[in-house]
Amino acid sequence: MPTRSPSTVRPVYIRGFGKHEDSDIRGKGLDLPLLVKDFNLIEWLGANCFRTSHYPYAEEIMDAADARGIMVIDETPAVSLDYSQTAGDDRLLTAHTEALSGLIARDKNRPSVLMWSLSNEAKTGQPEAVPYYQTLVALARAQDGTRPVTAVLNTYPDTELVAPLLDVILVNRYFGWYSDTGHSELIDLQARHFLTFWRDTFGKPVVQSEYGADTVAGLHQQPTFVFTEEYQTQLMAANFRAFEAVRAQGWFVGEMIWNFADFMTKQDTTRVVGNRKGVLTRQRQPKMSAHLLRSRYWALAQRTDMPELLLPDDLMFSGDFTGVQKKQCPARPAAGWQTSAVKGRWEHKTSTKP
């Protein structure tokens, strides 16, 4: 996906995350001091994009994205939609088209908007979803024929029915968390196969729009264990190796971790006082994973977009994200997957400051 200026056209690799309009004390909604803090952190992390998961964000946030040069995947408020009960009932589609039309009318002239996202994790393997999305895609292209149209998918390619209608495929998958929990040694090959399956099936650009692990800040254990900071960084590093492998093939065009920061959810036995998948706490303080992601994103910025870019001298990690050593997986394999994985090397980078 190119970025255009009067003098240059060059590809851009998406480095970002999903977000929420949420923070401690104030809760959900627009918070102007927090807006400034968040955009400062986006730049500190070396990111270039976020998704308005899972609803349109306040215009003030979009104004800031325009001003700061941060790309936005603009998403309608449509999550986990089930189309099996919509036959003969157009109320859901009517509400959805109204929301999409209003979003495009509001934001189509913004330079920050990269693409339109029609939904998040809807049941797009249902036959009823096909005519539903045909209507949405046609509407989006009629109102703005200049940007790609996508939807965030969480199916598998062999059951997916809506992907042929989209310009770019965004997929959510949590290897090592919701499947094969704790087995980070399986993630590299699982993610490579999964992402390649999407490309081979539909022949379109692919973005990993969500991956991650809940992590309680300050919780540590060795050997690594779920919910610890060590496990979150280990899971991320395994995904990075897979991303590097498929990025080299030219069709994998972005990675977006879930989430920018911890956020509150309803009380549930699967949540530890909200969703803890953020690389930042709900108070916007960095976990260990934020430093790892920051090193990754700044290195990617230099490698993919700006070879002349000077890296910050306070990056805590450096490393070859392509992987350097093969190792036999000691734990059980996931069904249908190979049992070898590539393990990369990370080392602490000493500051060049005197």
Protein backbone atom coordinates (compact mmCIF):
# COMPACT_ATOMS: atom_id res chain seq x y z
CA MET A 1 0.00 0.00 0.00
CA PRO A 2 1.72 3.19 -1.12
CA THR A 3 1.88 6.52 0.58
CA ARG A 4 1.79 9.42 -1.86
CA SER A 5 3.42 12.83 -1.80
CA PRO A 6 4.18 15.24 -4.65
CA SER A 7 7.69 13.81 -4.99
CA THR A 8 7.56 10.14 -4.05
CA VAL A 9 5.51 6.96 -4.08
CA ARG A 10 6.78 4.12 -1.92
CA PRO A 11 5.32 1.19 -0.01
CA VAL A 12 4.46 1.44 3.67
CA TYR A 13 4.56 -1.41 6.16
CA ILE A 14 1.96 -1.09 8.92
CA ARG A 15 3.40 -1.00 12.45
CA GLY A 16 0.61 -0.54 14.94
CA PHE A 17 -2.01 -1.82 17.32
CA GLY A 18 -5.66 -1.86 18.20
CA LYS A 19 -6.73 0.73 20.77
CA HIS A 20 -9.69 1.72 22.89
CA GLU A 21 -11.01 5.06 24.09
CA ASP A 22 -10.39 4.03 27.69
CA SER A 23 -8.16 4.90 30.62
CA ASP A 24 -7.99 4.71 34.38
CA ILE A 25 -10.09 7.13 36.51
CA ARG A 26 -12.12 8.64 33.65
CA GLY A 27 -13.03 5.33 32.02
CA LYS A 28 -14.33 5.19 28.45
CA GLY A 29 -14.62 8.29 26.32
CA LEU A 30 -12.64 11.28 25.11
CA ASP A 31 -9.92 12.54 27.46
CA LEU A 32 -7.93 15.44 25.96
CA PRO A 33 -4.80 15.25 28.17
CA LEU A 34 -4.75 11.48 27.59
CA LEU A 35 -5.06 12.09 23.84
CA VAL A 36 -1.78 14.02 23.90
CA LYS A 37 -0.12 11.35 26.05
CA ASP A 38 -1.29 8.54 23.76
CA PHE A 39 0.04 10.16 20.61
CA ASN A 40 3.35 10.88 22.33
CA LEU A 41 3.52 7.18 23.23
CA ILE A 42 2.57 6.11 19.69
CA GLU A 43 5.55 8.08 18.40
CA TRP A 44 7.81 6.82 21.22
CA LEU A 45 6.92 3.24 20.26
CA GLY A 46 7.80 3.90 16.61
CA ALA A 47 4.32 2.99 15.38
CA ASN A 48 2.68 4.46 12.30
CA CYS A 49 -0.92 3.18 12.51
CA PHE A 50 -3.80 2.23 14.80
CA ARG A 51 -7.26 0.78 14.27
CA THR A 52 -10.31 2.44 15.80
CA SER A 53 -11.35 -0.82 17.41
CA HIS A 54 -14.25 -1.31 17.47
CA TYR A 55 -16.11 1.93 16.73
CA PRO A 56 -15.44 5.37 15.25
CA TYR A 57 -13.27 7.46 17.55
CA ALA A 58 -13.86 11.08 18.54
CA GLU A 59 -13.10 13.69 15.90
CA GLU A 60 -10.44 15.18 18.18
CA ILE A 61 -8.51 11.90 17.98
CA MET A 62 -8.79 11.92 14.20
CA ASP A 63 -7.61 15.55 14.16
CA ALA A 64 -4.54 14.52 16.15
CA ALA A 65 -3.83 11.63 13.77
CA ASP A 66 -3.98 14.05 10.84
CA ALA A 67 -1.65 16.49 12.58
CA ARG A 68 0.85 13.88 13.78
CA GLY A 69 0.97 11.83 10.58
CA ILE A 70 -0.38 8.60 12.09
CA MET A 71 -2.39 6.33 9.78
CA VAL A 72 -5.82 5.10 10.90
CA ILE A 73 -7.85 2.06 9.95
CA ASP A 74 -11.34 3.49 10.47
CA GLU A 75 -13.82 0.92 11.79
CA THR A 76 -17.61 0.83 12.08
CA PRO A 77 -19.29 -0.22 15.37
CA ALA A 78 -19.93 -3.80 14.24
CA VAL A 79 -18.52 -6.60 16.40
CA SER A 80 -19.24 -10.36 16.31
CA LEU A 81 -22.29 -9.95 14.08
CA ASP A 82 -24.37 -13.09 13.46
CA TYR A 83 -26.21 -13.10 10.13
CA SER A 84 -28.06 -16.39 10.53
CA GLN A 85 -31.20 -14.64 11.81
CA THR A 86 -31.26 -11.76 9.31
CA ALA A 87 -33.19 -13.42 6.47
CA GLY A 88 -36.14 -11.19 5.66
CA ASP A 89 -35.11 -8.66 8.32
CA ASP A 90 -33.12 -5.67 7.06
CA ARG A 91 -32.88 -3.76 10.35
CA LEU A 92 -29.28 -4.81 11.07
CA LEU A 93 -28.11 -4.02 7.53
CA THR A 94 -29.94 -0.68 7.58
CA ALA A 95 -28.26 0.33 10.84
CA HIS A 96 -24.88 -0.86 9.54
CA THR A 97 -25.12 1.03 6.24
CA GLU A 98 -26.15 4.20 8.08
CA ALA A 99 -23.16 3.90 10.42
CA LEU A 100 -20.75 3.21 7.56
CA SER A 101 -22.12 6.02 5.42
CA GLY A 102 -21.83 8.48 8.29
CA LEU A 103 -18.28 7.37 9.08
CA ILE A 104 -17.10 7.79 5.49
CA ALA A 105 -18.85 11.15 5.12
CA ARG A 106 -17.16 12.36 8.30
CA ASP A 107 -13.63 11.08 7.63
CA LYS A 108 -13.14 10.64 3.88
CA ASN A 109 -11.22 13.91 3.51
CA ARG A 110 -8.79 13.12 6.31
CA PRO A 111 -5.21 12.34 5.23
CA SER A 112 -4.76 9.94 8.15
CA VAL A 113 -7.43 7.44 7.06
CA LEU A 114 -5.75 4.46 5.41
CA MET A 115 -8.71 2.12 4.84
CA TRP A 116 -12.28 1.40 5.91
CA SER A 117 -12.95 -1.57 8.19
CA LEU A 118 -16.52 -2.86 7.91
CA SER A 119 -16.58 -5.04 11.04
CA ASN A 120 -14.58 -6.96 13.61
CA GLU A 121 -14.77 -10.75 14.05
CA ALA A 122 -18.20 -11.14 12.49
CA LYS A 123 -19.48 -14.56 11.43
CA THR A 124 -18.23 -14.17 7.88
CA GLY A 125 -18.36 -17.90 7.20
CA GLN A 126 -22.16 -17.83 7.09
CA PRO A 127 -23.78 -17.81 3.62
CA GLU A 128 -26.05 -14.95 4.72
CA ALA A 129 -22.97 -12.77 5.20
CA VAL A 130 -22.16 -12.65 1.47
CA PRO A 131 -25.04 -10.45 0.22
CA TYR A 132 -24.78 -8.44 3.44
CA TYR A 133 -21.14 -7.53 2.74
CA GLN A 134 -21.74 -7.05 -0.96
CA THR A 135 -24.02 -4.18 0.02
CA LEU A 136 -21.48 -2.71 2.46
CA VAL A 137 -18.53 -2.96 0.08
CA ALA A 138 -20.51 -1.37 -2.76
CA LEU A 139 -21.54 1.48 -0.46
CA ALA A 140 -17.99 2.11 0.73
CA ARG A 141 -16.60 2.16 -2.80
CA ALA A 142 -19.40 4.42 -4.02
CA GLN A 143 -18.72 6.98 -1.28
CA ASP A 144 -14.92 6.72 -1.46
CA GLY A 145 -13.27 4.97 -4.35
CA THR A 146 -9.76 5.96 -3.26
CA ARG A 147 -9.19 3.72 -0.23
CA PRO A 148 -9.10 -0.04 0.34
CA VAL A 149 -12.05 -1.74 2.02
CA THR A 150 -11.46 -4.45 4.60
CA ALA A 151 -13.03 -6.31 7.51
CA VAL A 152 -11.26 -7.91 10.45
CA LEU A 153 -11.66 -11.68 10.19
CA ASN A 154 -11.20 -14.49 12.71
CA THR A 155 -12.23 -17.47 10.60
CA TYR A 156 -10.02 -19.85 8.61
CA PRO A 157 -9.56 -19.46 4.85
CA ASP A 158 -11.29 -22.74 4.03
CA THR A 159 -14.52 -21.56 5.71
CA GLU A 160 -14.30 -17.84 4.90
CA LEU A 161 -16.87 -16.41 2.44
CA VAL A 162 -16.47 -12.62 2.64
CA ALA A 163 -12.72 -12.28 1.99
CA PRO A 164 -13.10 -12.38 -1.84
CA LEU A 165 -15.02 -9.09 -1.60
CA LEU A 166 -12.27 -7.26 0.31
CA ASP A 167 -9.18 -5.41 -0.90
CA VAL A 168 -6.95 -6.28 2.07
CA ILE A 169 -7.32 -9.16 4.52
CA LEU A 170 -6.99 -8.35 8.22
CA VAL A 171 -6.89 -11.40 10.50
CA ASN A 172 -6.94 -11.92 14.26
CA ARG A 173 -5.28 -15.00 15.75
CA TYR A 174 -3.88 -15.66 19.22
CA PHE A 175 -1.50 -18.59 18.89
CA GLY A 176 -0.01 -19.44 22.27
CA TRP A 177 -2.89 -17.80 24.12
CA TYR A 178 -6.39 -18.93 23.11
CA SER A 179 -4.94 -22.02 21.45
CA ASP A 180 -1.98 -24.07 22.73
CA THR A 181 -1.90 -21.81 25.78
CA GLY A 182 1.62 -21.39 27.11
CA HIS A 183 3.28 -23.12 24.16
CA SER A 184 5.18 -20.24 22.61
CA GLU A 185 7.52 -22.71 20.88
CA LEU A 186 4.71 -23.55 18.44
CA ILE A 187 3.83 -19.99 17.45
CA ASP A 188 6.42 -19.35 14.75
CA LEU A 189 5.43 -22.18 12.43
CA GLN A 190 1.72 -21.97 13.29
CA ALA A 191 1.61 -18.28 12.38
CA ARG A 192 3.62 -18.77 9.19
CA HIS A 193 1.30 -21.53 7.98
CA PHE A 194 -1.82 -19.61 8.98
CA LEU A 195 -0.86 -16.35 7.25
CA THR A 196 0.40 -18.15 4.15
CA PHE A 197 -2.89 -20.08 3.99
CA TRP A 198 -4.75 -16.76 3.68
CA ARG A 199 -2.46 -15.53 0.94
CA ASP A 200 -2.55 -18.78 -1.02
CA THR A 201 -6.35 -18.95 -0.81
CA PHE A 202 -7.26 -15.39 -1.76
CA GLY A 203 -4.12 -13.84 -3.29
CA LYS A 204 -4.53 -10.55 -1.42
CA PRO A 205 -2.36 -8.47 0.93
CA VAL A 206 -2.56 -9.70 4.52
CA VAL A 207 -2.24 -7.85 7.84
CA GLN A 208 -2.12 -9.49 11.27
CA SER A 209 -4.59 -7.18 13.02
CA GLU A 210 -4.53 -8.82 16.46
CA TYR A 211 -2.26 -11.14 18.44
CA GLY A 212 -1.07 -11.03 22.03
CA ALA A 213 -1.40 -12.28 25.61
CA ASP A 214 -2.91 -10.96 28.83
CA THR A 215 -0.13 -9.78 31.13
CA VAL A 216 -0.19 -8.47 34.68
CA ALA A 217 2.42 -5.73 35.01
CA GLY A 218 5.07 -6.67 37.55
CA LEU A 219 4.29 -10.40 37.48
CA HIS A 220 7.44 -12.40 36.72
CA GLN A 221 8.33 -16.07 36.61
CA GLN A 222 11.12 -18.18 35.20
CA PRO A 223 10.52 -20.50 33.41
CA THR A 224 7.93 -18.33 31.74
CA PHE A 225 4.26 -18.75 32.61
CA VAL A 226 1.08 -17.23 31.23
CA PHE A 227 0.11 -13.77 32.54
CA THR A 228 3.77 -12.92 33.27
CA GLU A 229 5.73 -10.20 31.52
CA GLU A 230 8.24 -12.83 30.40
CA TYR A 231 5.56 -14.83 28.59
CA GLN A 232 4.15 -11.79 26.80
CA THR A 233 7.56 -10.86 25.40
CA GLN A 234 8.33 -14.48 24.50
CA LEU A 235 5.04 -14.76 22.63
CA MET A 236 5.72 -11.50 20.81
CA ALA A 237 9.22 -12.54 19.77
CA ALA A 238 7.86 -15.78 18.31
CA ASN A 239 5.28 -13.84 16.30
CA PHE A 240 7.99 -11.44 15.10
CA ARG A 241 9.95 -14.33 13.62
CA ALA A 242 6.88 -15.51 11.72
CA PHE A 243 6.13 -11.98 10.52
CA GLU A 244 9.68 -11.57 9.22
CA ALA A 245 9.45 -14.82 7.29
CA VAL A 246 6.23 -13.86 5.49
CA ARG A 247 7.08 -10.17 5.14
CA ALA A 248 10.05 -11.17 3.01
CA GLN A 249 7.61 -12.62 0.46
CA GLY A 250 6.08 -9.22 -0.26
CA TRP A 251 2.39 -9.86 0.47
CA PHE A 252 2.40 -9.49 4.26
CA VAL A 253 1.98 -5.76 4.74
CA GLY A 254 1.52 -5.11 8.44
CA GLU A 255 1.37 -6.20 12.07
CA MET A 256 -0.83 -4.76 14.81
CA ILE A 257 -0.57 -6.04 18.36
CA TRP A 258 -3.57 -6.22 20.65
CA ASN A 259 -3.48 -3.90 22.54
CA PHE A 260 -1.89 -0.47 22.88
CA ALA A 261 -2.89 -0.36 26.57
CA ASP A 262 -4.82 -2.40 29.11
CA PHE A 263 -8.53 -1.55 29.21
CA MET A 264 -11.53 -2.30 31.40
CA THR A 265 -14.06 -5.02 30.58
CA LYS A 266 -17.02 -6.50 32.39
CA GLN A 267 -16.23 -8.75 35.35
CA ASP A 268 -15.34 -12.24 34.17
CA THR A 269 -13.32 -15.19 35.42
CA THR A 270 -11.13 -15.01 32.30
CA ARG A 271 -10.10 -11.38 32.95
CA VAL A 272 -7.81 -10.05 35.68
CA VAL A 273 -9.48 -6.66 36.35
CA GLY A 274 -10.05 -6.01 32.66
CA ASN A 275 -8.20 -6.95 29.50
CA ARG A 276 -4.45 -6.97 30.21
CA LYS A 277 -3.11 -7.50 26.69
CA GLY A 278 -1.74 -3.97 26.48
CA VAL A 279 1.96 -3.30 26.10
CA LEU A 280 1.17 -0.32 28.34
CA THR A 281 -0.81 -0.41 31.56
CA ARG A 282 -4.16 1.33 31.79
CA GLN A 283 -2.22 4.20 33.42
CA ARG A 284 0.01 4.32 30.30
CA GLN A 285 3.17 2.97 31.92
CA PRO A 286 5.30 0.56 29.84
CA LYS A 287 5.52 -3.16 30.48
CA MET A 288 8.63 -5.04 29.38
CA SER A 289 6.76 -5.78 26.14
CA ALA A 290 6.55 -2.08 25.28
CA HIS A 291 10.33 -1.88 25.12
CA LEU A 292 10.49 -4.99 22.95
CA LEU A 293 7.79 -3.67 20.61
CA ARG A 294 9.50 -0.28 20.47
CA SER A 295 12.77 -1.87 19.37
CA ARG A 296 10.90 -3.91 16.76
CA TYR A 297 8.94 -0.98 15.34
CA TRP A 298 11.87 1.43 15.14
CA ALA A 299 13.97 -1.22 13.41
CA LEU A 300 11.12 -1.87 10.96
CA ALA A 301 10.73 1.85 10.28
CA GLN A 302 14.39 2.07 9.32
CA ARG A 303 14.34 -1.16 7.32
CA THR A 304 11.07 -0.72 5.41
CA ASP A 305 10.30 2.99 5.15
CA MET A 306 13.23 5.24 6.02
CA PRO A 307 16.74 3.82 5.56
CA GLU A 308 18.14 7.19 6.60
CA LEU A 309 16.34 7.06 9.97
CA LEU A 310 18.56 7.27 13.05
CA LEU A 311 17.39 4.89 15.76
CA PRO A 312 16.91 6.21 19.31
CA ASP A 313 19.96 5.46 21.41
CA ASP A 314 17.88 4.29 24.37
CA LEU A 315 16.32 1.22 22.73
CA MET A 316 16.49 -1.63 25.24
CA PHE A 317 16.62 -4.49 22.73
CA SER A 318 18.32 -5.18 19.45
CA GLY A 319 18.22 -8.34 17.43
CA ASP A 320 17.89 -10.21 14.17
CA PHE A 321 14.17 -10.84 13.83
CA THR A 322 14.67 -13.43 11.10
CA GLY A 323 15.78 -16.12 13.56
CA VAL A 324 19.22 -17.69 13.71
CA GLN A 325 18.90 -21.10 15.27
CA LYS A 326 16.65 -24.10 14.72
CA LYS A 327 15.51 -26.05 17.73
CA GLN A 328 13.33 -29.11 18.20
CA CYS A 329 10.17 -28.27 20.13
CA PRO A 330 10.18 -30.14 23.45
CA ALA A 331 6.44 -29.86 24.07
CA ARG A 332 3.45 -31.45 22.39
CA PRO A 333 2.59 -30.10 18.93
CA ALA A 334 -0.75 -28.61 18.01
CA ALA A 335 -2.84 -30.91 15.88
CA GLY A 336 -1.77 -30.73 12.26
CA TRP A 337 1.35 -28.66 12.86
CA GLN A 338 5.03 -29.55 12.61
CA THR A 339 7.05 -29.86 15.79
CA SER A 340 10.05 -27.69 14.96
CA ALA A 341 10.33 -23.96 15.54
CA VAL A 342 12.83 -21.22 14.86
CA LYS A 343 14.25 -19.53 17.93
CA GLY A 344 15.70 -16.04 17.57
CA ARG A 345 18.36 -14.33 19.63
CA TRP A 346 17.84 -11.18 21.71
CA GLU A 347 20.54 -9.26 23.50
CA HIS A 348 20.64 -6.14 25.63
CA LYS A 349 21.89 -3.05 23.82
CA THR A 350 24.21 -0.82 25.81
CA SER A 351 23.41 2.88 25.50
CA THR A 352 25.89 4.97 23.54
CA LYS A 353 25.43 7.87 25.94
CA PRO A 354 28.52 8.71 28.02
